[in-house]
Amino acid sequence: MNKILARLAIAAVTLVAAFSFANSAAATPSDAITCDVGSYSSTGYASVSEGVTCLLTPPGTYQNQPGATAPIVCPAGTFAAFYGLIACLQSESGRYAPVNSVVALPCHAGTYSGPGQGACTLASAGHYVADIQSASQAECALGTYQPLTEQTACLPAPAGTYVATTGATSYTDCPIDKTTATSGATSAADCNISTLVTILVSPSPTATPTPAPTAAPVVMPAPTPTHIPVDLRVQNVAGLKIPKSVKVGAKFSFGKVIPAGLAVKASASGSCKVSTSASGYNVTAAKAAGVCKLTLTNQGNGTFMPVNTQVLVKVLR
């Protein structure tokens, strides 16, 4: 019995396979022509009797196999500009092509690309890309820096600073008592301008004792001025501290007393304003870069002459 059932099962499978093959053969009309590479149809062939035509693959796609039923989309980094292509073209350096592109697009300034890229790469910090359709980025030169990405140029080191390496993202300050002649300095050796100045506080002529009159007139030598060195980066005269440079919007304070206990008056012009506090003066930098000019004055006394000097403070971005 089991042998009979097994033979019947085998016969049934054979009949199904033969029926399927016959139907498959019948499904393809006698006038069918297989679609060539670069074309496709819903059936993979063209047939007049069925009204089926092979279509060329549209731009942005391709087909490299005959008898295809659909086109293939160009992957990222490639493009197809025409109908009926059997392969997509690779985008060249300085251009990019997203998926399904019909043309490779140029990278804008601040970005770059190598061949076959689906998107442009941003210029990294310390680098720049000045032109469109660039294949690579460039390092910032000596004396320049760039802290941001996707930039088209580098920034010169401000006066009082330097950049001694290429591809820099920041600058280095000069020593506190030195500055540079110009911006764009390339080494510490360029910090060769002293920021020290001298405020002259001269003894009053009335403070010099007058000798008793003699038969012959006596010519007195001119009084010798007292020189007090002052650092413009950090003004420090008997507790008076004034920075050489500040950021926009920053605040700083300094006292009211200079040598010999003389009270000093302070006023401001340019990129800052000054207000009085119990302990000294408060200075607020403007919200735009410029120069803050502080004028320091006093009336002097019997020992010291009046003082009238100006201190410049740079307001930096």
Protein backbone atom coordinates (compact mmCIF):
# COMPACT_ATOMS: atom_id res chain seq x y z
CA MET A 1 0.00 0.00 0.00
CA ASN A 2 2.77 2.41 0.97
CA LYS A 3 4.60 1.72 -2.30
CA ILE A 4 1.45 2.54 -4.27
CA LEU A 5 0.98 5.87 -2.42
CA ALA A 6 4.61 6.83 -3.01
CA ARG A 7 4.31 6.15 -6.75
CA LEU A 8 1.13 8.24 -6.92
CA ALA A 9 2.87 11.16 -5.14
CA ILE A 10 5.79 11.08 -7.58
CA ALA A 11 3.42 11.04 -10.52
CA ALA A 12 1.53 14.05 -9.13
CA VAL A 13 4.72 16.11 -8.72
CA THR A 14 5.79 15.26 -12.25
CA LEU A 15 2.42 16.37 -13.65
CA VAL A 16 2.56 19.72 -11.74
CA ALA A 17 6.06 20.46 -12.99
CA ALA A 18 5.10 19.66 -16.56
CA PHE A 19 2.00 21.86 -16.29
CA SER A 20 4.01 24.79 -14.89
CA PHE A 21 6.61 24.50 -17.65
CA ALA A 22 3.90 24.44 -20.29
CA ASN A 23 2.22 27.52 -18.82
CA SER A 24 5.58 29.33 -18.60
CA ALA A 25 6.32 28.60 -22.21
CA ALA A 26 2.85 29.71 -23.16
CA ALA A 27 3.30 33.00 -21.18
CA THR A 28 6.06 34.20 -23.53
CA PRO A 29 4.63 35.10 -26.95
CA SER A 30 6.31 33.85 -30.07
CA ASP A 31 7.19 37.39 -31.19
CA ALA A 32 8.91 38.29 -27.86
CA ILE A 33 12.30 40.04 -28.20
CA THR A 34 14.43 40.29 -25.03
CA CYS A 35 15.18 43.88 -23.96
CA ASP A 36 18.83 44.77 -24.56
CA VAL A 37 21.19 46.29 -21.98
CA GLY A 38 20.37 49.96 -21.35
CA SER A 39 16.64 49.21 -21.63
CA TYR A 40 13.85 47.45 -19.78
CA SER A 41 10.13 46.62 -19.83
CA SER A 42 7.59 45.27 -17.38
CA THR A 43 8.09 41.79 -18.83
CA GLY A 44 11.77 42.03 -19.78
CA TYR A 45 10.95 41.71 -23.49
CA ALA A 46 9.17 43.56 -26.30
CA SER A 47 6.13 42.03 -28.01
CA VAL A 48 3.88 43.42 -30.72
CA SER A 49 1.16 40.95 -29.92
CA GLU A 50 1.14 42.03 -26.26
CA GLY A 51 1.76 45.71 -27.00
CA VAL A 52 4.91 45.74 -24.82
CA THR A 53 7.89 47.96 -25.75
CA CYS A 54 11.39 48.08 -24.25
CA LEU A 55 12.17 51.54 -22.78
CA LEU A 56 15.57 53.20 -22.49
CA THR A 57 16.75 53.75 -18.93
CA PRO A 58 16.19 57.44 -17.96
CA PRO A 59 18.97 59.84 -16.80
CA GLY A 60 20.09 59.06 -13.27
CA THR A 61 19.74 55.31 -13.88
CA TYR A 62 21.35 52.48 -15.89
CA GLN A 63 20.85 48.80 -16.77
CA ASN A 64 23.72 46.43 -17.61
CA GLN A 65 21.71 43.20 -17.91
CA PRO A 66 19.50 42.07 -20.83
CA GLY A 67 15.88 41.17 -20.15
CA ALA A 68 15.59 43.63 -17.25
CA THR A 69 12.22 44.65 -15.85
CA ALA A 70 13.39 47.92 -14.20
CA PRO A 71 16.28 50.39 -14.37
CA ILE A 72 18.96 50.61 -11.62
CA VAL A 73 19.41 53.93 -9.78
CA CYS A 74 22.92 55.44 -9.90
CA PRO A 75 24.54 55.21 -6.44
CA ALA A 76 26.06 58.22 -4.62
CA GLY A 77 29.26 59.47 -6.23
CA THR A 78 28.06 58.60 -9.76
CA PHE A 79 25.67 60.09 -12.32
CA ALA A 80 24.03 59.32 -15.67
CA ALA A 81 23.28 62.27 -17.93
CA PHE A 82 21.64 60.39 -20.85
CA TYR A 83 19.05 57.75 -21.67
CA GLY A 84 20.00 54.14 -22.28
CA LEU A 85 23.27 53.96 -20.35
CA ILE A 86 24.73 50.65 -19.20
CA ALA A 87 26.81 52.22 -16.40
CA CYS A 88 26.94 55.44 -14.36
CA LEU A 89 29.92 57.79 -14.55
CA GLN A 90 32.02 58.59 -11.47
CA SER A 91 31.96 62.23 -10.31
CA GLU A 92 35.36 63.93 -10.64
CA SER A 93 37.39 65.72 -7.93
CA GLY A 94 35.85 69.01 -6.83
CA ARG A 95 32.33 67.75 -7.65
CA TYR A 96 29.79 65.51 -5.94
CA ALA A 97 26.77 63.45 -6.97
CA PRO A 98 23.98 62.31 -4.64
CA VAL A 99 21.97 59.15 -5.36
CA ASN A 100 20.09 59.19 -8.71
CA SER A 101 22.07 62.17 -10.06
CA VAL A 102 21.93 63.24 -13.68
CA VAL A 103 24.97 65.53 -13.33
CA ALA A 104 27.87 66.02 -10.88
CA LEU A 105 27.59 69.34 -9.02
CA PRO A 106 30.56 71.61 -8.08
CA CYS A 107 31.57 71.93 -4.42
CA HIS A 108 31.20 75.49 -3.11
CA ALA A 109 34.06 77.52 -1.59
CA GLY A 110 34.85 76.29 1.92
CA THR A 111 34.33 72.66 0.84
CA TYR A 112 36.15 70.12 -1.35
CA SER A 113 35.89 66.55 -2.64
CA GLY A 114 37.85 63.72 -4.17
CA PRO A 115 36.54 61.60 -7.07
CA GLY A 116 33.37 59.57 -6.60
CA GLN A 117 31.96 61.42 -3.58
CA GLY A 118 28.27 61.76 -2.82
CA ALA A 119 28.80 64.97 -0.82
CA CYS A 120 31.49 67.62 -0.36
CA THR A 121 33.75 67.69 2.71
CA LEU A 122 33.90 70.82 4.89
CA ALA A 123 37.27 72.52 5.24
CA SER A 124 38.50 71.71 8.76
CA ALA A 125 39.65 74.21 11.40
CA GLY A 126 43.16 75.48 10.62
CA HIS A 127 42.43 75.12 6.90
CA TYR A 128 40.50 76.87 4.14
CA VAL A 129 39.19 76.38 0.59
CA ALA A 130 39.16 79.64 -1.37
CA ASP A 131 37.62 78.47 -4.68
CA ILE A 132 34.65 76.46 -5.89
CA GLN A 133 35.19 72.98 -7.34
CA SER A 134 38.31 72.32 -5.23
CA ALA A 135 39.83 68.88 -4.85
CA SER A 136 41.52 69.56 -1.47
CA GLN A 137 41.83 72.00 1.42
CA ALA A 138 44.86 74.21 2.22
CA GLU A 139 46.58 74.79 5.55
CA CYS A 140 46.61 78.25 7.10
CA ALA A 141 50.04 79.80 6.51
CA LEU A 142 52.44 81.04 9.18
CA GLY A 143 51.10 84.18 10.84
CA THR A 144 47.46 83.15 10.23
CA TYR A 145 44.90 80.91 11.92
CA GLN A 146 41.30 79.71 11.56
CA PRO A 147 39.23 78.35 14.47
CA LEU A 148 36.14 77.49 12.36
CA THR A 149 35.25 74.92 9.69
CA GLU A 150 33.97 75.53 6.12
CA GLN A 151 35.98 78.76 5.75
CA THR A 152 37.34 80.40 2.58
CA ALA A 153 40.32 82.23 4.17
CA CYS A 154 42.47 82.34 7.31
CA LEU A 155 42.74 85.22 9.80
CA PRO A 156 45.98 87.17 10.46
CA ALA A 157 47.34 87.02 13.99
CA PRO A 158 46.31 90.30 15.70
CA ALA A 159 48.98 92.82 16.71
CA GLY A 160 50.56 91.67 19.97
CA THR A 161 50.27 88.00 18.99
CA TYR A 162 51.94 85.52 16.60
CA VAL A 163 51.35 82.15 14.87
CA ALA A 164 54.50 80.07 14.43
CA THR A 165 52.98 76.94 12.83
CA THR A 166 50.93 76.16 9.73
CA GLY A 167 47.40 74.83 10.06
CA ALA A 168 46.88 76.74 13.32
CA THR A 169 43.48 77.16 14.96
CA SER A 170 44.55 79.92 17.39
CA TYR A 171 47.29 82.50 18.03
CA THR A 172 49.82 82.97 20.85
CA ASP A 173 50.08 86.17 22.91
CA CYS A 174 53.38 88.06 23.11
CA PRO A 175 55.04 88.41 26.54
CA ILE A 176 53.27 90.93 28.75
CA ASP A 177 55.79 93.74 28.16
CA LYS A 178 56.16 93.20 24.40
CA THR A 179 54.07 93.62 21.27
CA THR A 180 54.50 93.33 17.48
CA ALA A 181 54.90 96.05 14.90
CA THR A 182 52.01 94.73 12.77
CA SER A 183 49.48 91.92 12.61
CA GLY A 184 50.39 88.56 11.05
CA ALA A 185 53.56 87.94 13.10
CA THR A 186 55.09 84.49 12.55
CA SER A 187 57.32 83.94 15.60
CA ALA A 188 58.02 85.04 19.16
CA ALA A 189 60.98 87.00 17.79
CA ASP A 190 58.49 89.40 16.20
CA CYS A 191 57.41 90.46 19.70
CA ASN A 192 60.19 93.04 19.71
CA ILE A 193 58.32 96.27 20.50
CA SER A 194 58.37 97.30 24.15
CA THR A 195 55.06 98.32 25.69
CA LEU A 196 56.75 100.26 28.49
CA VAL A 197 56.37 104.05 28.59
CA THR A 198 57.44 106.64 31.11
CA ILE A 199 55.20 109.02 33.03
CA LEU A 200 57.18 112.03 34.26
CA VAL A 201 56.27 113.26 37.72
CA SER A 202 58.49 116.31 38.20
CA PRO A 203 59.15 118.00 41.56
CA SER A 204 57.54 121.43 41.81
CA PRO A 205 59.99 124.36 41.54
CA THR A 206 58.68 125.58 44.91
CA ALA A 207 59.85 122.33 46.49
CA THR A 208 63.49 123.09 45.70
CA PRO A 209 65.13 125.06 48.58
CA THR A 210 66.44 128.47 47.55
CA PRO A 211 69.98 129.23 48.80
CA ALA A 212 70.62 132.40 50.75
CA PRO A 213 71.56 135.32 48.54
CA THR A 214 75.25 135.97 48.15
CA ALA A 215 77.24 138.71 46.65
CA ALA A 216 77.41 136.78 43.39
CA PRO A 217 74.20 135.42 41.77
CA VAL A 218 73.80 131.68 41.99
CA VAL A 219 72.35 129.76 39.00
CA MET A 220 70.32 126.80 40.22
CA PRO A 221 70.32 123.62 38.12
CA ALA A 222 67.01 122.56 36.59
CA PRO A 223 65.06 120.12 38.78
CA THR A 224 65.61 116.45 37.91
CA PRO A 225 62.35 114.73 36.89
CA THR A 226 61.34 111.58 38.70
CA HIS A 227 60.75 108.77 36.10
CA ILE A 228 58.14 106.16 36.85
CA PRO A 229 58.07 103.26 34.32
CA VAL A 230 54.58 102.14 33.35
CA ASP A 231 53.64 98.94 31.50
CA LEU A 232 50.91 99.63 28.91
CA ARG A 233 49.81 95.98 28.91
CA VAL A 234 49.33 96.07 32.69
CA GLN A 235 49.61 99.65 33.95
CA ASN A 236 50.86 99.40 37.53
CA VAL A 237 51.72 102.65 39.22
CA ALA A 238 51.35 102.30 43.01
CA GLY A 239 48.40 99.95 42.59
CA LEU A 240 46.99 101.41 39.34
CA LYS A 241 46.33 98.42 37.01
CA ILE A 242 45.02 98.97 33.49
CA PRO A 243 45.08 96.18 30.84
CA LYS A 244 46.48 96.83 27.39
CA SER A 245 43.66 95.00 25.59
CA VAL A 246 40.22 93.60 26.42
CA LYS A 247 37.46 91.78 24.57
CA VAL A 248 34.40 93.68 23.35
CA GLY A 249 31.87 94.23 26.16
CA ALA A 250 34.43 93.34 28.89
CA LYS A 251 34.80 95.28 32.14
CA PHE A 252 37.84 96.10 34.31
CA SER A 253 38.61 98.37 37.26
CA PHE A 254 41.58 100.33 38.60
CA GLY A 255 42.26 102.45 41.68
CA LYS A 256 42.26 106.17 42.27
CA VAL A 257 45.69 106.71 43.81
CA ILE A 258 49.12 107.18 42.15
CA PRO A 259 52.49 107.86 43.86
CA ALA A 260 52.62 110.07 46.95
CA GLY A 261 48.96 109.35 47.66
CA LEU A 262 47.72 111.70 44.96
CA ALA A 263 44.15 111.04 43.83
CA VAL A 264 43.83 110.68 40.06
CA LYS A 265 40.84 111.59 37.94
CA ALA A 266 39.94 109.34 35.02
CA SER A 267 37.86 109.97 31.93
CA ALA A 268 37.28 107.86 28.83
CA SER A 269 36.64 108.34 25.14
CA GLY A 270 36.50 106.08 22.10
CA SER A 271 35.41 102.46 22.53
CA CYS A 272 34.67 102.51 26.26
CA LYS A 273 33.06 104.40 29.10
CA VAL A 274 34.18 104.95 32.70
CA SER A 275 32.21 105.19 35.93
CA THR A 276 33.30 105.94 39.49
CA SER A 277 33.12 103.49 42.38
CA ALA A 278 34.12 103.79 46.02
CA SER A 279 37.44 102.05 45.45
CA GLY A 280 38.34 103.38 42.01
CA TYR A 281 37.07 103.44 38.43
CA ASN A 282 35.08 100.89 36.44
CA VAL A 283 35.64 100.75 32.66
CA THR A 284 33.20 99.02 30.27
CA ALA A 285 34.44 98.25 26.74
CA ALA A 286 32.17 98.95 23.78
CA LYS A 287 30.43 96.14 21.88
CA ALA A 288 32.53 96.83 18.80
CA ALA A 289 36.29 96.65 18.30
CA GLY A 290 38.26 99.88 18.57
CA VAL A 291 40.51 101.84 20.92
CA CYS A 292 39.59 102.98 24.44
CA LYS A 293 41.44 106.18 25.41
CA LEU A 294 41.76 106.76 29.16
CA THR A 295 42.91 110.19 30.35
CA LEU A 296 44.47 110.27 33.85
CA THR A 297 44.95 113.65 35.59
CA ASN A 298 45.57 115.17 39.01
CA GLN A 299 46.38 118.58 40.41
CA GLY A 300 49.73 117.71 41.97
CA ASN A 301 50.87 119.11 45.31
CA GLY A 302 53.86 120.84 46.79
CA THR A 303 56.13 117.91 45.91
CA PHE A 304 54.78 116.61 42.60
CA MET A 305 53.74 118.47 39.49
CA PRO A 306 50.26 117.87 38.02
CA VAL A 307 49.94 114.69 35.94
CA ASN A 308 48.13 114.52 32.59
CA THR A 309 48.66 111.29 30.64
CA GLN A 310 46.70 109.06 28.30
CA VAL A 311 46.59 105.27 28.22
CA LEU A 312 45.27 103.36 25.18
CA VAL A 313 43.45 100.06 25.64
CA LYS A 314 42.64 97.97 22.57
CA VAL A 315 39.10 96.59 22.37
CA LEU A 316 39.33 93.31 20.44
CA ARG A 317 36.68 91.06 18.95
